[in-house]
Amino acid sequence: MDDVSVIKGKGRSRLEVKTSEILLLEYLERHRLLTMAQLYKYFTQFLGEEIKEYSFKNRLRRLEEFKLVRSSSFAEGFDGERFKCCSIGTGGINLLIENGLLFEDYNKNQIYQLLEKKNKLHFLYTQEVVLNIMCTTKQRLSLPQYKHYSQTKLYSSLSPSHVPYEMWIEKASKPVAMFNKGAAHARAAQFINNNQQYKKTTGDWVTIIRPDWILKREFENQGQKTRYLNIELDTGTEPFEQLEDKVWRYCILAERESNSSKHGVLFVLPDESFSKRTKYGDRSQRITNIREKIFNDPLMADRIKKVNLAVGVVSLRNAGVVATNFLVPKLFK
């Protein structure tokens, strides 16, 4: 993709789109649904563009006129969260395909469901975590002592649907049900495949765990294992037993993939850094309670150490620093 403007339309009804705006559209498509503030943060803090917030809002309206983006307003009750949400538009999809950033057979119909996503606030909080991590990494790598370090393809930001954590259990009707008991994101499904290796067996594909989002770090050095940071947003609605169950599941995942990768799980609790309207208040006590539940259990602590699983419990404002230390270990040891 050349570092030039792309012109859409003709005459007075035309729009020039800069390369940085195409990258913004790519980020929006990959992350599905973002607030206007999150898009502005990515555009300025990560891509390094200098633009006033009001000018950026006007620019987004212009992009929406050409169907590059779509938007809707979100309001939670009288005193709750209020913001504008954005998703990729059909024109944005076409532009990304033209620039080789999406495949030509991209299913455009799926974009119409993005603005109607369920648990919208939970998803947007998760995206704030991801964005904080990306901007923190970018900020650290801009320091003079790290100028030599290549930032290209530092890590991949992935939806859990793109990286299913599953395991095949043979002849497992009752065991599968027991395995999935009490897990919010796990489900058992019948496996239907013509592959020869499964024709003579019966069983189920079982979801080990489904995180809220995944950051994947690959290393050029063959001696370094691929790192997966699995993000779990904790809003305080899940009992401690359910959080413990998730840690046990991540232990299973870490052990199964220990030869090729290293896994980490970061439990993040929302705070007022996302919005001034937040109702979560001080989360320090719950953070302490979760840590004690995980690390003060000798059996669980021993299991975590044995499978080499990295576990963190932090507030939203501290997520970036903790995550960066896991994803870029060579820089900050």
C-alpha atoms as a PDB file:
ATOM      1  CA  MET A   1       0.000   0.000   0.000  1.00  0.00           C
ATOM      2  CA  ASP A   2       1.568   3.290  -1.119  1.00  0.00           C
ATOM      3  CA  ASP A   3       1.817   6.243   1.259  1.00  0.00           C
ATOM      4  CA  VAL A   4      -0.584   8.387  -0.796  1.00  0.00           C
ATOM      5  CA  SER A   5      -4.162   9.564  -0.629  1.00  0.00           C
ATOM      6  CA  VAL A   6      -6.899   7.470  -2.181  1.00  0.00           C
ATOM      7  CA  ILE A   7      -9.592   9.478  -3.900  1.00  0.00           C
ATOM      8  CA  LYS A   8     -13.211   8.317  -3.709  1.00  0.00           C
ATOM      9  CA  GLY A   9     -15.842   9.990  -5.854  1.00  0.00           C
ATOM     10  CA  LYS A  10     -15.482  12.845  -8.334  1.00  0.00           C
ATOM     11  CA  GLY A  11     -15.617  16.611  -8.400  1.00  0.00           C
ATOM     12  CA  ARG A  12     -16.983  18.289  -5.299  1.00  0.00           C
ATOM     13  CA  SER A  13     -18.415  14.974  -4.101  1.00  0.00           C
ATOM     14  CA  ARG A  14     -15.090  13.352  -3.541  1.00  0.00           C
ATOM     15  CA  LEU A  15     -13.087  12.220  -0.548  1.00  0.00           C
ATOM     16  CA  GLU A  16      -9.324  11.844  -0.181  1.00  0.00           C
ATOM     17  CA  VAL A  17      -8.377   9.077   2.239  1.00  0.00           C
ATOM     18  CA  LYS A  18      -4.865   9.038   3.685  1.00  0.00           C
ATOM     19  CA  THR A  19      -2.892   5.882   4.377  1.00  0.00           C
ATOM     20  CA  SER A  20      -3.261   6.419   8.119  1.00  0.00           C
ATOM     21  CA  GLU A  21      -7.043   6.514   7.690  1.00  0.00           C
ATOM     22  CA  ILE A  22      -6.945   3.237   5.792  1.00  0.00           C
ATOM     23  CA  LEU A  23      -4.989   1.753   8.709  1.00  0.00           C
ATOM     24  CA  LEU A  24      -7.654   3.153  11.030  1.00  0.00           C
ATOM     25  CA  LEU A  25     -10.338   1.380   8.999  1.00  0.00           C
ATOM     26  CA  GLU A  26      -8.309  -1.835   9.124  1.00  0.00           C
ATOM     27  CA  TYR A  27      -8.129  -1.596  12.921  1.00  0.00           C
ATOM     28  CA  LEU A  28     -11.861  -0.883  13.122  1.00  0.00           C
ATOM     29  CA  GLU A  29     -12.702  -3.920  10.977  1.00  0.00           C
ATOM     30  CA  ARG A  30     -10.459  -6.224  13.003  1.00  0.00           C
ATOM     31  CA  HIS A  31     -11.832  -5.005  16.323  1.00  0.00           C
ATOM     32  CA  ARG A  32     -15.428  -4.899  15.105  1.00  0.00           C
ATOM     33  CA  LEU A  33     -16.894  -2.222  17.358  1.00  0.00           C
ATOM     34  CA  LEU A  34     -15.197   0.805  18.945  1.00  0.00           C
ATOM     35  CA  THR A  35     -16.180   4.092  20.515  1.00  0.00           C
ATOM     36  CA  MET A  36     -15.257   7.327  18.809  1.00  0.00           C
ATOM     37  CA  ALA A  37     -12.858   8.045  21.691  1.00  0.00           C
ATOM     38  CA  GLN A  38     -11.110   4.710  21.127  1.00  0.00           C
ATOM     39  CA  LEU A  39     -10.706   5.412  17.420  1.00  0.00           C
ATOM     40  CA  TYR A  40      -9.262   8.825  18.238  1.00  0.00           C
ATOM     41  CA  LYS A  41      -6.846   7.280  20.726  1.00  0.00           C
ATOM     42  CA  TYR A  42      -5.655   4.714  18.186  1.00  0.00           C
ATOM     43  CA  PHE A  43      -5.307   7.355  15.458  1.00  0.00           C
ATOM     44  CA  THR A  44      -3.295   9.781  17.578  1.00  0.00           C
ATOM     45  CA  GLN A  45      -1.458   7.710  20.201  1.00  0.00           C
ATOM     46  CA  PHE A  46      -0.739   4.580  18.157  1.00  0.00           C
ATOM     47  CA  LEU A  47      -0.570   5.842  14.568  1.00  0.00           C
ATOM     48  CA  GLY A  48       0.923   9.156  15.705  1.00  0.00           C
ATOM     49  CA  GLU A  49      -1.389  11.464  13.753  1.00  0.00           C
ATOM     50  CA  GLU A  50      -1.777  15.032  15.043  1.00  0.00           C
ATOM     51  CA  ILE A  51      -5.393  16.183  14.950  1.00  0.00           C
ATOM     52  CA  LYS A  52      -7.749  17.895  17.369  1.00  0.00           C
ATOM     53  CA  GLU A  53     -10.600  15.799  18.734  1.00  0.00           C
ATOM     54  CA  TYR A  54     -13.342  17.962  17.234  1.00  0.00           C
ATOM     55  CA  SER A  55     -11.620  17.816  13.831  1.00  0.00           C
ATOM     56  CA  PHE A  56     -11.395  14.034  14.111  1.00  0.00           C
ATOM     57  CA  LYS A  57     -15.121  13.818  14.866  1.00  0.00           C
ATOM     58  CA  ASN A  58     -15.876  15.892  11.796  1.00  0.00           C
ATOM     59  CA  ARG A  59     -13.594  13.647   9.751  1.00  0.00           C
ATOM     60  CA  LEU A  60     -15.444  10.534  10.942  1.00  0.00           C
ATOM     61  CA  ARG A  61     -18.736  12.103   9.875  1.00  0.00           C
ATOM     62  CA  ARG A  62     -17.218  12.646   6.447  1.00  0.00           C
ATOM     63  CA  LEU A  63     -16.086   9.004   6.287  1.00  0.00           C
ATOM     64  CA  GLU A  64     -19.584   7.954   7.279  1.00  0.00           C
ATOM     65  CA  GLU A  65     -21.084   9.933   4.394  1.00  0.00           C
ATOM     66  CA  PHE A  66     -19.084   7.719   2.032  1.00  0.00           C
ATOM     67  CA  LYS A  67     -20.120   4.570   3.975  1.00  0.00           C
ATOM     68  CA  LEU A  68     -16.569   3.880   5.076  1.00  0.00           C
ATOM     69  CA  VAL A  69     -17.823   3.643   8.654  1.00  0.00           C
ATOM     70  CA  ARG A  70     -21.179   3.175  10.345  1.00  0.00           C
ATOM     71  CA  SER A  71     -22.220   4.555  13.711  1.00  0.00           C
ATOM     72  CA  SER A  72     -24.900   4.484  16.391  1.00  0.00           C
ATOM     73  CA  SER A  73     -25.417   6.035  19.816  1.00  0.00           C
ATOM     74  CA  PHE A  74     -25.209   4.008  23.014  1.00  0.00           C
ATOM     75  CA  ALA A  75     -26.894   5.002  26.272  1.00  0.00           C
ATOM     76  CA  GLU A  76     -27.204   2.970  29.445  1.00  0.00           C
ATOM     77  CA  GLY A  77     -30.057   4.313  31.568  1.00  0.00           C
ATOM     78  CA  PHE A  78     -30.315   7.917  32.761  1.00  0.00           C
ATOM     79  CA  ASP A  79     -26.935   8.193  34.495  1.00  0.00           C
ATOM     80  CA  GLY A  80     -25.087   5.382  32.704  1.00  0.00           C
ATOM     81  CA  GLU A  81     -22.548   5.304  29.900  1.00  0.00           C
ATOM     82  CA  ARG A  82     -23.195   7.409  26.802  1.00  0.00           C
ATOM     83  CA  PHE A  83     -21.056   7.413  23.701  1.00  0.00           C
ATOM     84  CA  LYS A  84     -21.022   6.982  19.941  1.00  0.00           C
ATOM     85  CA  CYS A  85     -20.079   3.544  18.584  1.00  0.00           C
ATOM     86  CA  CYS A  86     -18.538   2.894  15.184  1.00  0.00           C
ATOM     87  CA  SER A  87     -18.121  -0.147  12.977  1.00  0.00           C
ATOM     88  CA  ILE A  88     -16.785  -0.683   9.469  1.00  0.00           C
ATOM     89  CA  GLY A  89     -19.050   0.200   6.541  1.00  0.00           C
ATOM     90  CA  THR A  90     -19.446  -1.370   3.111  1.00  0.00           C
ATOM     91  CA  GLY A  91     -17.330   1.367   1.546  1.00  0.00           C
ATOM     92  CA  GLY A  92     -14.630   0.704   4.129  1.00  0.00           C
ATOM     93  CA  ILE A  93     -14.655  -2.997   3.279  1.00  0.00           C
ATOM     94  CA  ASN A  94     -14.289  -2.218  -0.415  1.00  0.00           C
ATOM     95  CA  LEU A  95     -11.404   0.159   0.297  1.00  0.00           C
ATOM     96  CA  LEU A  96      -9.581  -2.430   2.408  1.00  0.00           C
ATOM     97  CA  ILE A  97     -10.041  -5.051  -0.315  1.00  0.00           C
ATOM     98  CA  GLU A  98      -8.679  -2.619  -2.925  1.00  0.00           C
ATOM     99  CA  ASN A  99      -5.570  -2.129  -0.787  1.00  0.00           C
ATOM    100  CA  GLY A 100      -5.016  -5.846  -0.215  1.00  0.00           C
ATOM    101  CA  LEU A 101      -5.916  -5.738   3.476  1.00  0.00           C
ATOM    102  CA  LEU A 102      -8.939  -8.039   3.150  1.00  0.00           C
ATOM    103  CA  PHE A 103      -9.795 -10.987   0.919  1.00  0.00           C
ATOM    104  CA  GLU A 104     -12.167 -10.348  -1.959  1.00  0.00           C
ATOM    105  CA  ASP A 105     -14.624 -12.974  -0.690  1.00  0.00           C
ATOM    106  CA  TYR A 106     -15.095 -11.097   2.599  1.00  0.00           C
ATOM    107  CA  ASN A 107     -18.611 -11.602   3.951  1.00  0.00           C
ATOM    108  CA  LYS A 108     -20.028  -8.085   4.063  1.00  0.00           C
ATOM    109  CA  ASN A 109     -23.326  -9.166   5.592  1.00  0.00           C
ATOM    110  CA  GLN A 110     -21.696  -9.718   8.975  1.00  0.00           C
ATOM    111  CA  ILE A 111     -20.927  -6.026   9.442  1.00  0.00           C
ATOM    112  CA  TYR A 112     -24.630  -5.181   9.848  1.00  0.00           C
ATOM    113  CA  GLN A 113     -24.741  -7.098  13.123  1.00  0.00           C
ATOM    114  CA  LEU A 114     -21.808  -5.303  14.742  1.00  0.00           C
ATOM    115  CA  LEU A 115     -23.702  -2.244  15.986  1.00  0.00           C
ATOM    116  CA  GLU A 116     -26.311  -4.556  17.524  1.00  0.00           C
ATOM    117  CA  LYS A 117     -23.759  -6.641  19.420  1.00  0.00           C
ATOM    118  CA  LYS A 118     -24.967  -8.053  22.748  1.00  0.00           C
ATOM    119  CA  ASN A 119     -23.067  -7.172  25.939  1.00  0.00           C
ATOM    120  CA  LYS A 120     -21.846  -4.089  24.096  1.00  0.00           C
ATOM    121  CA  LEU A 121     -20.438  -2.355  27.169  1.00  0.00           C
ATOM    122  CA  HIS A 122     -18.446  -5.455  28.198  1.00  0.00           C
ATOM    123  CA  PHE A 123     -16.997  -5.716  24.690  1.00  0.00           C
ATOM    124  CA  LEU A 124     -16.022  -2.036  24.567  1.00  0.00           C
ATOM    125  CA  TYR A 125     -14.321  -2.296  27.966  1.00  0.00           C
ATOM    126  CA  THR A 126     -12.331  -5.233  26.590  1.00  0.00           C
ATOM    127  CA  GLN A 127     -11.321  -3.186  23.558  1.00  0.00           C
ATOM    128  CA  GLU A 128     -10.135  -0.438  25.897  1.00  0.00           C
ATOM    129  CA  VAL A 129      -7.835  -2.985  27.536  1.00  0.00           C
ATOM    130  CA  VAL A 130      -6.447  -4.048  24.152  1.00  0.00           C
ATOM    131  CA  LEU A 131      -5.935  -0.439  23.072  1.00  0.00           C
ATOM    132  CA  ASN A 132      -4.167   0.444  26.325  1.00  0.00           C
ATOM    133  CA  ILE A 133      -1.781  -2.468  25.828  1.00  0.00           C
ATOM    134  CA  MET A 134      -1.018  -1.485  22.239  1.00  0.00           C
ATOM    135  CA  CYS A 135      -0.417   2.176  23.108  1.00  0.00           C
ATOM    136  CA  THR A 136       1.749   1.301  26.122  1.00  0.00           C
ATOM    137  CA  THR A 137       3.928  -0.956  23.976  1.00  0.00           C
ATOM    138  CA  LYS A 138       4.186   1.726  21.307  1.00  0.00           C
ATOM    139  CA  GLN A 139       5.159   4.321  23.915  1.00  0.00           C
ATOM    140  CA  ARG A 140       7.857   2.135  25.444  1.00  0.00           C
ATOM    141  CA  LEU A 141       9.363   1.211  22.104  1.00  0.00           C
ATOM    142  CA  SER A 142       9.638   4.905  21.225  1.00  0.00           C
ATOM    143  CA  LEU A 143      12.165   5.417  24.033  1.00  0.00           C
ATOM    144  CA  PRO A 144      15.751   6.061  22.810  1.00  0.00           C
ATOM    145  CA  GLN A 145      17.154   2.785  24.148  1.00  0.00           C
ATOM    146  CA  TYR A 146      14.652   0.805  22.055  1.00  0.00           C
ATOM    147  CA  LYS A 147      14.899   2.754  18.788  1.00  0.00           C
ATOM    148  CA  HIS A 148      16.679  -0.159  17.114  1.00  0.00           C
ATOM    149  CA  TYR A 149      13.827  -2.549  17.893  1.00  0.00           C
ATOM    150  CA  SER A 150      11.509  -3.328  14.989  1.00  0.00           C
ATOM    151  CA  GLN A 151       7.862  -2.537  15.735  1.00  0.00           C
ATOM    152  CA  THR A 152       6.489  -4.221  12.644  1.00  0.00           C
ATOM    153  CA  LYS A 153       4.252  -7.169  13.401  1.00  0.00           C
ATOM    154  CA  LEU A 154       4.973  -6.859  17.105  1.00  0.00           C
ATOM    155  CA  TYR A 155       1.911  -8.919  17.933  1.00  0.00           C
ATOM    156  CA  SER A 156      -1.470  -9.856  16.494  1.00  0.00           C
ATOM    157  CA  SER A 157      -4.750  -8.751  18.025  1.00  0.00           C
ATOM    158  CA  LEU A 158      -7.238 -11.594  17.605  1.00  0.00           C
ATOM    159  CA  SER A 159     -10.863 -12.323  18.279  1.00  0.00           C
ATOM    160  CA  PRO A 160     -11.315 -15.599  20.225  1.00  0.00           C
ATOM    161  CA  SER A 161     -13.407 -16.896  17.322  1.00  0.00           C
ATOM    162  CA  HIS A 162     -10.209 -16.844  15.225  1.00  0.00           C
ATOM    163  CA  VAL A 163      -8.252 -18.875  17.781  1.00  0.00           C
ATOM    164  CA  PRO A 164     -10.583 -21.548  19.204  1.00  0.00           C
ATOM    165  CA  TYR A 165      -9.086 -23.321  22.200  1.00  0.00           C
ATOM    166  CA  GLU A 166     -10.545 -26.802  21.796  1.00  0.00           C
ATOM    167  CA  MET A 167      -9.684 -30.378  22.639  1.00  0.00           C
ATOM    168  CA  TRP A 168     -11.044 -33.682  21.332  1.00  0.00           C
ATOM    169  CA  ILE A 169     -12.317 -36.118  23.949  1.00  0.00           C
ATOM    170  CA  GLU A 170     -13.149 -39.606  22.733  1.00  0.00           C
ATOM    171  CA  LYS A 171     -16.346 -41.330  23.857  1.00  0.00           C
ATOM    172  CA  ALA A 172     -17.026 -38.600  26.336  1.00  0.00           C
ATOM    173  CA  SER A 173     -20.713 -38.111  26.951  1.00  0.00           C
ATOM    174  CA  LYS A 174     -20.796 -37.788  30.740  1.00  0.00           C
ATOM    175  CA  PRO A 175     -17.140 -36.708  31.151  1.00  0.00           C
ATOM    176  CA  VAL A 176     -17.704 -33.855  28.671  1.00  0.00           C
ATOM    177  CA  ALA A 177     -20.686 -32.630  30.646  1.00  0.00           C
ATOM    178  CA  MET A 178     -18.654 -32.758  33.835  1.00  0.00           C
ATOM    179  CA  PHE A 179     -15.745 -30.971  32.153  1.00  0.00           C
ATOM    180  CA  ASN A 180     -17.983 -28.114  31.087  1.00  0.00           C
ATOM    181  CA  LYS A 181     -19.830 -27.786  34.392  1.00  0.00           C
ATOM    182  CA  GLY A 182     -19.778 -24.239  35.728  1.00  0.00           C
ATOM    183  CA  ALA A 183     -17.892 -22.740  32.783  1.00  0.00           C
ATOM    184  CA  ALA A 184     -19.512 -19.643  31.337  1.00  0.00           C
ATOM    185  CA  HIS A 185     -17.803 -19.822  27.950  1.00  0.00           C
ATOM    186  CA  ALA A 186     -17.327 -23.546  27.448  1.00  0.00           C
ATOM    187  CA  ARG A 187     -19.611 -25.728  25.376  1.00  0.00           C
ATOM    188  CA  ALA A 188     -19.609 -29.228  23.981  1.00  0.00           C
ATOM    189  CA  ALA A 189     -20.375 -29.859  20.335  1.00  0.00           C
ATOM    190  CA  GLN A 190     -20.726 -32.983  18.207  1.00  0.00           C
ATOM    191  CA  PHE A 191     -17.863 -33.316  15.770  1.00  0.00           C
ATOM    192  CA  ILE A 192     -18.829 -33.960  12.161  1.00  0.00           C
ATOM    193  CA  ASN A 193     -15.961 -34.440   9.772  1.00  0.00           C
ATOM    194  CA  ASN A 194     -15.026 -36.743   6.943  1.00  0.00           C
ATOM    195  CA  ASN A 195     -11.405 -36.804   7.991  1.00  0.00           C
ATOM    196  CA  GLN A 196     -10.146 -40.391   8.202  1.00  0.00           C
ATOM    197  CA  GLN A 197      -8.604 -40.044  11.659  1.00  0.00           C
ATOM    198  CA  TYR A 198     -12.039 -39.469  13.231  1.00  0.00           C
ATOM    199  CA  LYS A 199     -14.142 -41.994  11.310  1.00  0.00           C
ATOM    200  CA  LYS A 200     -13.552 -44.797  13.783  1.00  0.00           C
ATOM    201  CA  THR A 201     -13.963 -42.756  16.959  1.00  0.00           C
ATOM    202  CA  THR A 202     -16.819 -41.030  18.706  1.00  0.00           C
ATOM    203  CA  GLY A 203     -16.580 -38.134  21.084  1.00  0.00           C
ATOM    204  CA  ASP A 204     -16.851 -34.385  21.318  1.00  0.00           C
ATOM    205  CA  TRP A 205     -14.935 -31.241  20.581  1.00  0.00           C
ATOM    206  CA  VAL A 206     -14.849 -29.381  23.863  1.00  0.00           C
ATOM    207  CA  THR A 207     -14.040 -25.714  24.273  1.00  0.00           C
ATOM    208  CA  ILE A 208     -11.340 -25.535  26.922  1.00  0.00           C
ATOM    209  CA  ILE A 209     -11.779 -21.801  27.471  1.00  0.00           C
ATOM    210  CA  ARG A 210     -12.955 -18.784  25.484  1.00  0.00           C
ATOM    211  CA  PRO A 211     -11.236 -15.544  26.525  1.00  0.00           C
ATOM    212  CA  ASP A 212     -12.634 -12.102  25.838  1.00  0.00           C
ATOM    213  CA  TRP A 213      -9.715 -11.269  23.517  1.00  0.00           C
ATOM    214  CA  ILE A 214      -6.258 -12.585  22.561  1.00  0.00           C
ATOM    215  CA  LEU A 215      -2.942 -10.917  21.812  1.00  0.00           C
ATOM    216  CA  LYS A 216      -0.450 -13.167  20.030  1.00  0.00           C
ATOM    217  CA  ARG A 217       3.294 -12.447  19.928  1.00  0.00           C
ATOM    218  CA  GLU A 218       5.566 -14.325  17.517  1.00  0.00           C
ATOM    219  CA  PHE A 219       9.347 -14.126  17.671  1.00  0.00           C
ATOM    220  CA  GLU A 220      11.872 -14.147  14.859  1.00  0.00           C
ATOM    221  CA  ASN A 221      14.225 -16.073  17.128  1.00  0.00           C
ATOM    222  CA  GLN A 222      13.363 -19.758  16.770  1.00  0.00           C
ATOM    223  CA  GLY A 223      14.325 -20.377  20.385  1.00  0.00           C
ATOM    224  CA  GLN A 224      11.484 -18.195  21.642  1.00  0.00           C
ATOM    225  CA  LYS A 225       8.019 -19.695  21.948  1.00  0.00           C
ATOM    226  CA  THR A 226       4.973 -17.886  20.581  1.00  0.00           C
ATOM    227  CA  ARG A 227       3.225 -16.030  23.387  1.00  0.00           C
ATOM    228  CA  TYR A 228      -0.537 -15.757  23.840  1.00  0.00           C
ATOM    229  CA  LEU A 229      -1.945 -13.215  26.250  1.00  0.00           C
ATOM    230  CA  ASN A 230      -5.573 -14.072  26.987  1.00  0.00           C
ATOM    231  CA  ILE A 231      -7.624 -11.182  28.320  1.00  0.00           C
ATOM    232  CA  GLU A 232     -10.471 -11.732  30.781  1.00  0.00           C
ATOM    233  CA  LEU A 233     -12.536  -8.702  31.753  1.00  0.00           C
ATOM    234  CA  ASP A 234     -13.944  -9.011  35.258  1.00  0.00           C
ATOM    235  CA  THR A 235     -16.870  -6.717  36.033  1.00  0.00           C
ATOM    236  CA  GLY A 236     -17.519  -8.246  39.429  1.00  0.00           C
ATOM    237  CA  THR A 237     -20.527 -10.339  38.422  1.00  0.00           C
ATOM    238  CA  GLU A 238     -18.706 -13.681  38.345  1.00  0.00           C
ATOM    239  CA  PRO A 239     -18.225 -15.561  41.646  1.00  0.00           C
ATOM    240  CA  PHE A 240     -14.675 -16.428  42.695  1.00  0.00           C
ATOM    241  CA  GLU A 241     -15.343 -20.106  42.023  1.00  0.00           C
ATOM    242  CA  GLN A 242     -15.956 -19.328  38.372  1.00  0.00           C
ATOM    243  CA  LEU A 243     -12.712 -17.349  38.129  1.00  0.00           C
ATOM    244  CA  GLU A 244     -10.877 -20.284  39.698  1.00  0.00           C
ATOM    245  CA  ASP A 245     -12.434 -22.585  37.131  1.00  0.00           C
ATOM    246  CA  LYS A 246     -11.083 -20.357  34.363  1.00  0.00           C
ATOM    247  CA  VAL A 247      -7.560 -20.514  35.786  1.00  0.00           C
ATOM    248  CA  TRP A 248      -7.714 -24.336  35.889  1.00  0.00           C
ATOM    249  CA  ARG A 249      -8.807 -24.330  32.259  1.00  0.00           C
ATOM    250  CA  TYR A 250      -5.963 -22.051  31.242  1.00  0.00           C
ATOM    251  CA  CYS A 251      -3.647 -24.495  32.995  1.00  0.00           C
ATOM    252  CA  ILE A 252      -5.004 -27.273  30.767  1.00  0.00           C
ATOM    253  CA  LEU A 253      -4.436 -25.060  27.716  1.00  0.00           C
ATOM    254  CA  ALA A 254      -0.901 -24.084  28.774  1.00  0.00           C
ATOM    255  CA  GLU A 255       0.064 -27.710  29.367  1.00  0.00           C
ATOM    256  CA  ARG A 256      -1.346 -28.943  26.060  1.00  0.00           C
ATOM    257  CA  GLU A 257       0.492 -26.260  24.058  1.00  0.00           C
ATOM    258  CA  SER A 258       3.665 -26.101  26.160  1.00  0.00           C
ATOM    259  CA  ASN A 259       5.905 -27.373  23.355  1.00  0.00           C
ATOM    260  CA  SER A 260       5.053 -24.575  20.953  1.00  0.00           C
ATOM    261  CA  SER A 261       3.789 -21.639  22.991  1.00  0.00           C
ATOM    262  CA  LYS A 262       3.579 -19.884  26.333  1.00  0.00           C
ATOM    263  CA  HIS A 263       0.208 -18.711  27.631  1.00  0.00           C
ATOM    264  CA  GLY A 264      -0.732 -15.950  29.991  1.00  0.00           C
ATOM    265  CA  VAL A 265      -4.094 -14.808  31.321  1.00  0.00           C
ATOM    266  CA  LEU A 266      -4.719 -11.262  32.454  1.00  0.00           C
ATOM    267  CA  PHE A 267      -7.805 -10.584  34.566  1.00  0.00           C
ATOM    268  CA  VAL A 268      -8.638  -6.898  34.145  1.00  0.00           C
ATOM    269  CA  LEU A 269     -11.071  -4.968  36.316  1.00  0.00           C
ATOM    270  CA  PRO A 270     -12.679  -1.809  34.887  1.00  0.00           C
ATOM    271  CA  ASP A 271     -12.063   1.556  36.504  1.00  0.00           C
ATOM    272  CA  GLU A 272     -12.810   5.219  35.851  1.00  0.00           C
ATOM    273  CA  SER A 273     -10.034   5.476  33.254  1.00  0.00           C
ATOM    274  CA  PHE A 274     -12.519   4.293  30.611  1.00  0.00           C
ATOM    275  CA  SER A 275     -15.295   6.734  31.420  1.00  0.00           C
ATOM    276  CA  LYS A 276     -16.164   9.376  34.007  1.00  0.00           C
ATOM    277  CA  ARG A 277     -19.607   7.805  34.240  1.00  0.00           C
ATOM    278  CA  THR A 278     -18.228   4.495  35.471  1.00  0.00           C
ATOM    279  CA  LYS A 279     -19.971   2.972  38.478  1.00  0.00           C
ATOM    280  CA  TYR A 280     -17.323   0.437  39.391  1.00  0.00           C
ATOM    281  CA  GLY A 281     -15.528   2.605  41.944  1.00  0.00           C
ATOM    282  CA  ASP A 282     -12.484   1.332  43.847  1.00  0.00           C
ATOM    283  CA  ARG A 283     -11.642  -2.194  42.684  1.00  0.00           C
ATOM    284  CA  SER A 284      -8.542  -2.715  44.809  1.00  0.00           C
ATOM    285  CA  GLN A 285     -10.264  -4.999  47.320  1.00  0.00           C
ATOM    286  CA  ARG A 286     -11.648  -7.310  44.640  1.00  0.00           C
ATOM    287  CA  ILE A 287      -8.223  -7.409  42.972  1.00  0.00           C
ATOM    288  CA  THR A 288      -6.699  -8.434  46.301  1.00  0.00           C
ATOM    289  CA  ASN A 289      -9.392 -11.075  46.873  1.00  0.00           C
ATOM    290  CA  ILE A 290      -8.917 -12.608  43.418  1.00  0.00           C
ATOM    291  CA  ARG A 291      -5.158 -12.732  43.833  1.00  0.00           C
ATOM    292  CA  GLU A 292      -5.487 -14.411  47.228  1.00  0.00           C
ATOM    293  CA  LYS A 293      -7.959 -16.928  45.824  1.00  0.00           C
ATOM    294  CA  ILE A 294      -5.558 -17.864  43.026  1.00  0.00           C
ATOM    295  CA  PHE A 295      -2.090 -17.593  44.503  1.00  0.00           C
ATOM    296  CA  ASN A 296      -2.815 -18.618  48.114  1.00  0.00           C
ATOM    297  CA  ASP A 297      -4.266 -21.953  47.058  1.00  0.00           C
ATOM    298  CA  PRO A 298      -1.234 -24.305  47.243  1.00  0.00           C
ATOM    299  CA  LEU A 299      -2.710 -26.769  44.765  1.00  0.00           C
ATOM    300  CA  MET A 300      -3.529 -24.093  42.191  1.00  0.00           C
ATOM    301  CA  ALA A 301      -0.251 -22.234  42.702  1.00  0.00           C
ATOM    302  CA  ASP A 302       1.689 -25.456  42.172  1.00  0.00           C
ATOM    303  CA  ARG A 303      -0.302 -26.254  39.032  1.00  0.00           C
ATOM    304  CA  ILE A 304       0.272 -22.765  37.587  1.00  0.00           C
ATOM    305  CA  LYS A 305       4.003 -23.073  38.172  1.00  0.00           C
ATOM    306  CA  LYS A 306       4.174 -26.584  36.733  1.00  0.00           C
ATOM    307  CA  VAL A 307       2.526 -25.649  33.413  1.00  0.00           C
ATOM    308  CA  ASN A 308       4.376 -22.298  33.255  1.00  0.00           C
ATOM    309  CA  LEU A 309       1.184 -20.218  33.037  1.00  0.00           C
ATOM    310  CA  ALA A 310       1.527 -16.480  33.625  1.00  0.00           C
ATOM    311  CA  VAL A 311      -1.395 -15.030  35.604  1.00  0.00           C
ATOM    312  CA  GLY A 312      -2.074 -11.374  36.339  1.00  0.00           C
ATOM    313  CA  VAL A 313      -4.901  -9.512  38.079  1.00  0.00           C
ATOM    314  CA  VAL A 314      -4.892  -5.745  37.505  1.00  0.00           C
ATOM    315  CA  SER A 315      -7.053  -2.671  37.111  1.00  0.00           C
ATOM    316  CA  LEU A 316      -7.647  -1.275  33.638  1.00  0.00           C
ATOM    317  CA  ARG A 317      -5.151   1.574  34.059  1.00  0.00           C
ATOM    318  CA  ASN A 318      -2.338  -0.880  34.871  1.00  0.00           C
ATOM    319  CA  ALA A 319      -3.126  -3.457  32.196  1.00  0.00           C
ATOM    320  CA  GLY A 320      -0.842  -1.954  29.563  1.00  0.00           C
ATOM    321  CA  VAL A 321       2.367  -2.144  31.603  1.00  0.00           C
ATOM    322  CA  VAL A 322       1.758  -5.681  32.895  1.00  0.00           C
ATOM    323  CA  ALA A 323       0.760  -6.998  29.462  1.00  0.00           C
ATOM    324  CA  THR A 324       3.711  -5.373  27.707  1.00  0.00           C
ATOM    325  CA  ASN A 325       6.149  -7.044  30.085  1.00  0.00           C
ATOM    326  CA  PHE A 326       4.668 -10.412  29.111  1.00  0.00           C
ATOM    327  CA  LEU A 327       4.454  -9.783  25.364  1.00  0.00           C
ATOM    328  CA  VAL A 328       7.866  -8.161  24.956  1.00  0.00           C
ATOM    329  CA  PRO A 329      10.004  -9.985  27.544  1.00  0.00           C
ATOM    330  CA  LYS A 330      13.356  -9.386  25.859  1.00  0.00           C
ATOM    331  CA  LEU A 331      13.126  -5.640  26.330  1.00  0.00           C
ATOM    332  CA  PHE A 332      12.097  -5.357  29.914  1.00  0.00           C
ATOM    333  CA  LYS A 333      13.822  -8.118  31.847  1.00  0.00           C
END
